[in-house]
């Protein structure tokens, strides 16, 4: 079973089809390029959906995991490891956390958000009278487990699994909507500083600061979901640090994706006493969270991002790439922070052009992603070079022409 078609046939036979049919069978990668089972190479501008921060087969990352695998792979939550303690300290440092802040490790972003929502619910239940409402935002995506799905806006994701955990209300990300919805019965507000699955939509600094002020006034917790935007993706360790830092820090931050550089990992950080004091022994847990292999991957990722200056690189290259994309005929609005970017296609929403462009790009040797019928997302490895970014921009007019032909067929 060496060829792509054979493997895909076996996939359809043996795997549950919740992701539909995969478009490729990827077998190896180096830098920002991956190769499929038929030997075709692609420039990956998606990085496993903002996961592979260091690209593929980065020597420092490979060495760290191999060394840890040769020592200790798993210990359960009855014990800890030096790597777990070290990574917790590193995350609290880059989050500019005050003394007393804590970290909790999970296996994914969904699990980190699930933990955060449980924390919010416990905070609300401890109040007198109890706070039963949680506010989330329209177009939000926080995951697909039951609790995280309850805070995910898209009805198509939610409807098949209702009734979901209750008490979640969706509001527009405006100061006016927030003020109208807030009250002393709100336990918490959860938001993404950049709504990635919605098409890379940054929230305004005004709204983020209003959310911090309003939650404090009403005794609610502010949860910032940095699963997609965190760990250097936007040119900062945390995107929320643009607006919320020091005494304005959120109560909870969740992380995953780029944190492990390709290894499954998630984290919840509690940054204020109001959040840190909520969960005690036995209130939450996970068998694999804090796994030494995942901790080694996280440490290697953080260390390498710092040593290679990838925060500044992501910000600078992101500015260059957004400006270059905006000059391409047929490209509408370009949005993003750092190397989390989306661009709308002129008349793309009505024609479903974005999925056609994804397919045309793949045939042209590029991996990108559509977040909607007219919107394309880029979330490449943070090590992407300027020449590689320009390679895609230069190819884009031809790819758009091919996509239009495909969409019209």
Protein backbone atom coordinates (compact mmCIF):
# COMPACT_ATOMS: atom_id res chain seq x y z
CA UNK A 1 0.00 0.00 0.00
CA UNK A 2 2.42 2.63 -1.25
CA UNK A 3 0.40 4.89 -3.51
CA UNK A 4 -1.96 7.67 -2.52
CA UNK A 5 -5.06 6.18 -4.13
CA UNK A 6 -4.57 2.86 -2.31
CA UNK A 7 -4.14 4.56 1.06
CA UNK A 8 -7.19 6.77 0.52
CA UNK A 9 -9.29 3.72 -0.34
CA UNK A 10 -8.22 2.11 2.92
CA UNK A 11 -8.97 5.34 4.77
CA UNK A 12 -12.53 5.38 3.45
CA UNK A 13 -12.96 1.76 4.47
CA UNK A 14 -11.46 1.89 7.96
CA UNK A 15 -11.81 5.41 9.37
CA UNK A 16 -14.92 7.24 10.49
CA UNK A 17 -15.68 9.87 7.87
CA UNK A 18 -16.14 12.89 10.12
CA UNK A 19 -13.49 14.81 8.15
CA UNK A 20 -14.76 13.80 4.73
CA UNK A 21 -12.27 12.43 2.23
CA UNK A 22 -8.70 13.65 2.81
CA UNK A 23 -7.28 15.39 -0.23
CA UNK A 24 -3.73 14.12 0.27
CA UNK A 25 -1.73 11.46 2.07
CA UNK A 26 1.30 13.27 3.50
CA UNK A 27 4.33 11.16 4.34
CA UNK A 28 7.20 13.50 5.17
CA UNK A 29 8.17 17.12 5.57
CA UNK A 30 11.17 19.39 5.87
CA UNK A 31 11.12 23.09 6.64
CA UNK A 32 7.92 24.50 5.20
CA UNK A 33 7.44 21.80 2.58
CA UNK A 34 5.66 18.46 2.74
CA UNK A 35 5.60 15.50 0.37
CA UNK A 36 2.66 13.23 -0.41
CA UNK A 37 2.62 9.47 -0.93
CA UNK A 38 3.10 9.90 -4.69
CA UNK A 39 6.20 12.06 -4.21
CA UNK A 40 4.64 15.46 -4.97
CA UNK A 41 5.97 18.36 -2.88
CA UNK A 42 3.90 21.25 -1.51
CA UNK A 43 4.67 24.55 0.18
CA UNK A 44 2.58 24.30 3.34
CA UNK A 45 0.96 27.63 4.18
CA UNK A 46 -1.39 26.14 6.75
CA UNK A 47 1.03 24.29 9.10
CA UNK A 48 -1.52 21.75 10.30
CA UNK A 49 -3.91 24.66 11.02
CA UNK A 50 -1.45 26.88 12.89
CA UNK A 51 0.20 23.96 14.68
CA UNK A 52 3.62 23.30 13.15
CA UNK A 53 5.24 26.51 14.36
CA UNK A 54 8.74 25.31 13.52
CA UNK A 55 7.78 23.66 10.27
CA UNK A 56 8.69 20.04 9.74
CA UNK A 57 11.62 18.06 11.13
CA UNK A 58 13.20 21.02 12.87
CA UNK A 59 16.42 19.58 14.38
CA UNK A 60 15.93 21.11 17.84
CA UNK A 61 12.35 19.83 18.08
CA UNK A 62 13.22 16.34 16.81
CA UNK A 63 16.18 16.08 19.18
CA UNK A 64 14.13 17.15 22.21
CA UNK A 65 11.38 14.57 21.61
CA UNK A 66 13.80 11.77 20.75
CA UNK A 67 15.86 12.44 23.87
CA UNK A 68 12.76 12.54 26.07
CA UNK A 69 11.36 9.34 24.51
CA UNK A 70 14.58 7.60 25.43
CA UNK A 71 14.19 8.65 29.06
CA UNK A 72 10.52 8.76 30.05
CA UNK A 73 7.34 8.94 28.00
CA UNK A 74 4.40 8.90 30.44
CA UNK A 75 3.87 9.13 34.21
CA UNK A 76 0.08 9.78 34.73
CA UNK A 77 -1.25 12.52 36.95
CA UNK A 78 -0.23 10.73 40.15
CA UNK A 79 3.27 12.08 39.51
CA UNK A 80 5.01 14.98 37.79
CA UNK A 81 8.21 15.45 35.82
CA UNK A 82 10.87 18.16 35.64
CA UNK A 83 9.65 18.99 32.12
CA UNK A 84 6.11 19.67 33.32
CA UNK A 85 7.29 22.04 36.02
CA UNK A 86 9.68 23.78 33.64
CA UNK A 87 7.08 24.28 30.91
CA UNK A 88 4.53 25.65 33.39
CA UNK A 89 7.08 28.24 34.55
CA UNK A 90 7.99 29.13 30.96
CA UNK A 91 4.36 29.67 29.97
CA UNK A 92 3.61 31.81 32.99
CA UNK A 93 6.67 33.91 32.21
CA UNK A 94 5.75 34.57 28.58
CA UNK A 95 2.17 35.34 29.67
CA UNK A 96 3.61 38.00 32.02
CA UNK A 97 1.73 36.25 34.80
CA UNK A 98 1.87 37.65 38.35
CA UNK A 99 2.99 35.62 41.33
CA UNK A 100 0.38 33.01 42.23
CA UNK A 101 -0.72 32.29 38.66
CA UNK A 102 -1.01 28.60 37.70
CA UNK A 103 -0.91 26.31 34.66
CA UNK A 104 -2.93 23.18 33.86
CA UNK A 105 -2.00 20.93 30.92
CA UNK A 106 -4.36 19.19 28.54
CA UNK A 107 -4.03 17.38 25.22
CA UNK A 108 -5.77 19.86 22.91
CA UNK A 109 -7.32 23.28 22.61
CA UNK A 110 -10.81 21.90 23.00
CA UNK A 111 -9.82 20.30 26.31
CA UNK A 112 -8.19 23.52 27.49
CA UNK A 113 -11.41 25.40 26.76
CA UNK A 114 -13.46 22.65 28.38
CA UNK A 115 -11.39 23.10 31.54
CA UNK A 116 -11.83 26.86 31.38
CA UNK A 117 -15.59 26.58 30.99
CA UNK A 118 -15.79 24.18 33.94
CA UNK A 119 -13.80 26.70 35.95
CA UNK A 120 -16.19 29.48 34.95
CA UNK A 121 -19.19 27.33 35.85
CA UNK A 122 -17.69 26.47 39.27
CA UNK A 123 -16.96 30.15 39.87
CA UNK A 124 -20.56 31.02 39.08
CA UNK A 125 -22.01 28.24 41.20
CA UNK A 126 -19.97 29.38 44.21
CA UNK A 127 -21.52 32.84 44.07
CA UNK A 128 -24.54 33.83 46.15
CA UNK A 129 -26.86 34.02 44.36
CA UNK A 130 -25.40 31.73 41.72
CA UNK A 131 -24.23 33.15 38.41
CA UNK A 132 -25.69 30.94 35.65
CA UNK A 133 -24.97 32.82 32.42
CA UNK A 134 -21.87 32.59 30.19
CA UNK A 135 -21.38 35.01 27.30
CA UNK A 136 -19.66 33.95 24.08
CA UNK A 137 -19.39 35.78 20.77
CA UNK A 138 -21.10 35.39 17.44
CA UNK A 139 -18.82 33.54 15.00
CA UNK A 140 -16.84 32.05 17.91
CA UNK A 141 -15.18 28.64 17.66
CA UNK A 142 -13.96 27.03 20.90
CA UNK A 143 -14.02 23.31 20.06
CA UNK A 144 -16.26 20.33 19.53
CA UNK A 145 -16.56 18.56 22.88
CA UNK A 146 -19.91 19.18 24.55
CA UNK A 147 -18.89 22.07 26.77
CA UNK A 148 -16.68 23.78 24.20
CA UNK A 149 -19.31 23.21 21.53
CA UNK A 150 -21.88 24.98 23.72
CA UNK A 151 -19.72 28.11 23.36
CA UNK A 152 -19.17 27.62 19.61
CA UNK A 153 -21.47 29.81 17.55
CA UNK A 154 -21.99 27.91 14.28
CA UNK A 155 -25.43 26.30 14.34
CA UNK A 156 -24.46 23.52 11.93
CA UNK A 157 -21.88 22.30 14.45
CA UNK A 158 -24.24 22.55 17.40
CA UNK A 159 -27.62 21.36 16.17
CA UNK A 160 -26.98 17.59 15.83
CA UNK A 161 -25.85 17.36 19.46
CA UNK A 162 -28.38 19.42 21.33
CA UNK A 163 -29.29 19.74 24.11
CA UNK A 164 -25.82 21.00 24.97
CA UNK A 165 -24.76 22.32 28.38
CA UNK A 166 -26.97 25.34 28.92
CA UNK A 167 -26.54 28.91 29.99
CA UNK A 168 -24.39 30.12 27.08
CA UNK A 169 -25.57 33.22 25.20
CA UNK A 170 -24.02 34.69 22.05
CA UNK A 171 -23.50 38.42 21.60
CA UNK A 172 -21.92 40.51 18.86
CA UNK A 173 -18.35 41.66 19.61
CA UNK A 174 -19.36 45.27 20.23
CA UNK A 175 -19.17 47.33 23.38
CA UNK A 176 -22.89 48.11 23.08
CA UNK A 177 -23.88 44.43 22.88
CA UNK A 178 -21.60 43.60 25.80
CA UNK A 179 -23.04 46.33 28.00
CA UNK A 180 -26.58 45.26 27.16
CA UNK A 181 -25.91 41.60 28.01
CA UNK A 182 -23.74 41.94 31.12
CA UNK A 183 -25.19 41.59 34.59
CA UNK A 184 -24.37 40.27 38.04
CA UNK A 185 -25.72 36.86 37.00
CA UNK A 186 -22.94 36.39 34.39
CA UNK A 187 -20.29 33.88 35.46
CA UNK A 188 -17.88 34.58 32.63
CA UNK A 189 -17.14 35.80 29.13
CA UNK A 190 -15.12 33.71 26.66
CA UNK A 191 -13.60 35.20 23.51
CA UNK A 192 -10.86 34.79 20.91
CA UNK A 193 -8.74 37.92 20.34
CA UNK A 194 -8.62 36.87 16.68
CA UNK A 195 -11.55 34.74 15.49
CA UNK A 196 -9.62 32.30 13.34
CA UNK A 197 -12.31 29.92 12.12
CA UNK A 198 -14.57 32.88 11.35
CA UNK A 199 -12.07 34.14 8.78
CA UNK A 200 -9.30 35.69 10.90
CA UNK A 201 -11.27 38.57 12.39
CA UNK A 202 -9.34 40.52 15.06
CA UNK A 203 -11.43 41.94 17.89
CA UNK A 204 -10.97 45.63 18.57
CA UNK A 205 -8.82 46.76 21.47
CA UNK A 206 -11.80 48.81 22.64
CA UNK A 207 -13.93 45.69 22.93
CA UNK A 208 -11.23 43.65 24.68
CA UNK A 209 -10.67 46.36 27.27
CA UNK A 210 -14.40 46.79 27.76
CA UNK A 211 -14.72 43.04 28.33
CA UNK A 212 -12.04 43.21 31.01
CA UNK A 213 -13.62 46.20 32.73
CA UNK A 214 -17.17 44.84 32.57
CA UNK A 215 -16.35 41.35 33.83
CA UNK A 216 -14.53 42.85 36.81
CA UNK A 217 -17.43 45.16 37.60
CA UNK A 218 -19.89 42.25 37.63
CA UNK A 219 -17.71 39.63 39.34
CA UNK A 220 -17.39 37.52 36.18
CA UNK A 221 -14.30 35.80 34.77
CA UNK A 222 -12.74 36.75 31.43
CA UNK A 223 -11.46 33.75 29.44
CA UNK A 224 -9.27 34.48 26.41
CA UNK A 225 -8.95 31.62 23.94
CA UNK A 226 -5.47 31.89 22.38
CA UNK A 227 -5.52 28.37 20.96
CA UNK A 228 -5.00 29.62 17.41
CA UNK A 229 -3.60 33.10 17.99
CA UNK A 230 -1.08 32.31 20.73
CA UNK A 231 2.51 31.08 20.86
CA UNK A 232 3.99 33.58 18.43
CA UNK A 233 1.47 33.14 15.65
CA UNK A 234 0.61 36.86 15.59
CA UNK A 235 4.13 38.11 16.31
CA UNK A 236 3.58 38.07 20.07
CA UNK A 237 3.57 35.23 22.54
CA UNK A 238 -0.07 36.07 23.26
CA UNK A 239 -2.16 38.25 20.98
CA UNK A 240 -4.12 39.48 24.00
CA UNK A 241 -0.96 41.13 25.35
CA UNK A 242 -1.54 43.92 22.82
CA UNK A 243 -4.52 45.06 24.88
CA UNK A 244 -4.68 43.17 28.18
CA UNK A 245 -1.61 43.11 30.38
CA UNK A 246 -0.53 43.95 33.89
CA UNK A 247 -3.54 44.65 36.09
CA UNK A 248 -5.77 44.31 33.01
CA UNK A 249 -4.76 40.69 32.38
CA UNK A 250 -7.56 38.21 31.68
CA UNK A 251 -8.46 35.70 34.36
CA UNK A 252 -7.85 32.67 32.14
CA UNK A 253 -5.90 32.07 28.92
CA UNK A 254 -6.12 28.84 26.93
CA UNK A 255 -3.40 27.60 24.57
CA UNK A 256 -2.75 24.66 22.25
CA UNK A 257 -1.93 24.30 18.52
CA UNK A 258 1.45 26.02 18.10
CA UNK A 259 2.49 25.33 21.68
CA UNK A 260 3.69 21.81 20.88
CA UNK A 261 5.11 22.54 17.44
CA UNK A 262 3.24 19.50 16.11
CA UNK A 263 2.86 17.42 19.28
CA UNK A 264 -0.64 17.24 20.85
CA UNK A 265 -0.77 19.58 23.82
CA UNK A 266 -2.99 22.20 25.42
CA UNK A 267 -2.80 24.44 28.46
CA UNK A 268 -5.02 26.57 30.65
CA UNK A 269 -3.38 29.44 32.53
CA UNK A 270 -5.11 31.08 35.50
CA UNK A 271 -3.68 34.57 35.83
CA UNK A 272 -5.70 36.13 38.65
CA UNK A 273 -6.59 35.03 42.18
CA UNK A 274 -10.27 35.03 41.18
CA UNK A 275 -9.56 32.21 38.71
CA UNK A 276 -6.68 30.40 40.41
CA UNK A 277 -8.64 29.73 43.57
CA UNK A 278 -11.64 28.07 41.91
CA UNK A 279 -10.58 24.48 41.17
CA UNK A 280 -9.18 22.26 43.89
CA UNK A 281 -8.01 18.66 44.20
CA UNK A 282 -10.36 16.28 42.40
CA UNK A 283 -12.28 18.99 40.51
CA UNK A 284 -10.70 18.27 37.14
CA UNK A 285 -8.14 15.95 35.59
CA UNK A 286 -6.73 14.16 32.56
CA UNK A 287 -4.66 11.02 32.13
CA UNK A 288 -2.36 12.32 29.42
CA UNK A 289 -2.19 16.03 30.27
CA UNK A 290 1.36 17.02 31.22
CA UNK A 291 2.82 14.03 29.39
CA UNK A 292 6.67 14.32 29.44
CA UNK A 293 6.90 13.97 25.65
CA UNK A 294 4.43 16.82 25.15
CA UNK A 295 6.25 18.92 27.74
CA UNK A 296 9.57 18.38 25.95
CA UNK A 297 7.95 19.41 22.67
CA UNK A 298 6.53 22.57 24.24
CA UNK A 299 9.84 23.53 25.80
CA UNK A 300 11.71 22.96 22.54
CA UNK A 301 9.15 25.04 20.65
CA UNK A 302 9.33 27.99 23.05
CA UNK A 303 13.11 27.86 23.21
CA UNK A 304 13.49 27.76 19.42
CA UNK A 305 10.98 30.55 18.77
CA UNK A 306 13.02 32.73 21.12
CA UNK A 307 16.47 31.72 19.87
CA UNK A 308 15.57 32.17 16.20
CA UNK A 309 13.78 35.51 16.67
CA UNK A 310 10.54 34.14 15.23
CA UNK A 311 8.25 36.60 17.01
CA UNK A 312 9.70 39.58 15.18
CA UNK A 313 9.97 37.52 11.99
CA UNK A 314 6.27 36.57 12.13
CA UNK A 315 5.23 40.18 12.60
CA UNK A 316 7.48 41.54 9.84
CA UNK A 317 6.77 38.80 7.30
CA UNK A 318 3.07 38.98 8.08
CA UNK A 319 3.03 42.69 7.25
CA UNK A 320 4.88 42.02 4.00
CA UNK A 321 2.61 39.15 3.01
CA UNK A 322 -0.62 41.03 3.76
CA UNK A 323 0.54 44.04 1.76
CA UNK A 324 1.55 41.84 -1.18
CA UNK A 325 -1.74 39.96 -1.17
CA UNK A 326 -3.70 43.21 -1.19
CA UNK A 327 -2.07 44.12 -4.51
CA UNK A 328 -3.27 40.96 -6.29
CA UNK A 329 -6.19 41.50 -8.64
CA UNK A 330 -9.24 39.61 -7.45
CA UNK A 331 -8.24 39.80 -3.78
CA UNK A 332 -10.54 41.87 -1.57
CA UNK A 333 -10.03 42.61 2.11
CA UNK A 334 -6.89 41.19 3.72
CA UNK A 335 -6.93 40.71 7.50
CA UNK A 336 -4.74 39.30 10.20
CA UNK A 337 -1.99 39.63 12.72
CA UNK A 338 1.50 38.28 12.12
CA UNK A 339 1.31 35.00 10.24
CA UNK A 340 -2.38 34.43 10.89
CA UNK A 341 -3.89 35.87 7.72
CA UNK A 342 -7.10 35.68 5.71
CA UNK A 343 -8.08 37.29 2.44
CA UNK A 344 -11.49 37.60 0.85
CA UNK A 345 -11.97 36.97 -2.85
CA UNK A 346 -13.87 39.53 -4.91
CA UNK A 347 -17.32 38.02 -5.57
CA UNK A 348 -15.99 34.83 -3.99
CA UNK A 349 -18.77 34.30 -1.48
CA UNK A 350 -21.48 34.15 -4.15
CA UNK A 351 -19.53 31.80 -6.41
CA UNK A 352 -17.92 29.57 -3.78
CA UNK A 353 -14.54 30.55 -5.16
CA UNK A 354 -12.47 29.95 -2.01
CA UNK A 355 -12.82 26.12 -1.98
CA UNK A 356 -12.01 26.12 -5.70
CA UNK A 357 -8.89 28.17 -4.98
CA UNK A 358 -7.84 25.71 -2.27
CA UNK A 359 -8.05 22.90 -4.83
CA UNK A 360 -6.25 24.91 -7.52
CA UNK A 361 -3.53 25.86 -5.06
CA UNK A 362 -3.04 22.23 -4.12
CA UNK A 363 -2.65 21.30 -7.78
CA UNK A 364 -0.14 24.14 -8.06
CA UNK A 365 1.89 22.91 -5.10
CA UNK A 366 0.52 25.01 -2.21
CA UNK A 367 -1.54 24.07 0.86
CA UNK A 368 -4.02 26.72 2.01
CA UNK A 369 -7.44 26.60 3.64
CA UNK A 370 -10.91 28.10 3.11
CA UNK A 371 -12.83 29.31 6.16
CA UNK A 372 -15.90 30.09 4.05
CA UNK A 373 -17.09 30.27 0.46
CA UNK A 374 -15.19 33.47 -0.23
CA UNK A 375 -12.36 33.51 2.32
CA UNK A 376 -8.93 31.85 2.31
CA UNK A 377 -6.78 31.45 5.43
CA UNK A 378 -2.99 31.25 5.70
CA UNK A 379 -1.27 30.10 8.89
CA UNK A 380 2.18 28.97 7.74
CA UNK A 381 5.08 27.82 9.89
CA UNK A 382 6.72 30.73 11.69
CA UNK A 383 9.96 29.85 9.88
CA UNK A 384 8.45 30.70 6.47
CA UNK A 385 10.92 32.69 4.38
CA UNK A 386 10.16 35.83 2.40
CA UNK A 387 11.01 34.09 -0.87
CA UNK A 388 8.55 31.31 -0.01
CA UNK A 389 5.83 33.84 0.82
CA UNK A 390 6.50 35.66 -2.45
CA UNK A 391 6.39 32.36 -4.32
CA UNK A 392 2.73 32.00 -3.35
CA UNK A 393 1.85 35.63 -4.09
CA UNK A 394 3.42 35.41 -7.54
CA UNK A 395 1.50 32.23 -8.29
CA UNK A 396 -1.80 33.56 -6.95
CA UNK A 397 -3.11 35.25 -10.14
CA UNK A 398 -2.74 32.00 -12.08
CA UNK A 399 -4.27 30.02 -9.24
CA UNK A 400 -7.25 32.39 -9.14
CA UNK A 401 -7.77 31.96 -12.89
CA UNK A 402 -7.69 28.19 -12.45
CA UNK A 403 -10.11 28.44 -9.53
CA UNK A 404 -12.59 30.46 -11.57
CA UNK A 405 -12.53 27.85 -14.30
CA UNK A 406 -13.05 25.13 -11.72
CA UNK A 407 -15.92 27.01 -10.01
CA UNK A 408 -17.63 27.64 -13.36
CA UNK A 409 -17.39 24.02 -14.51
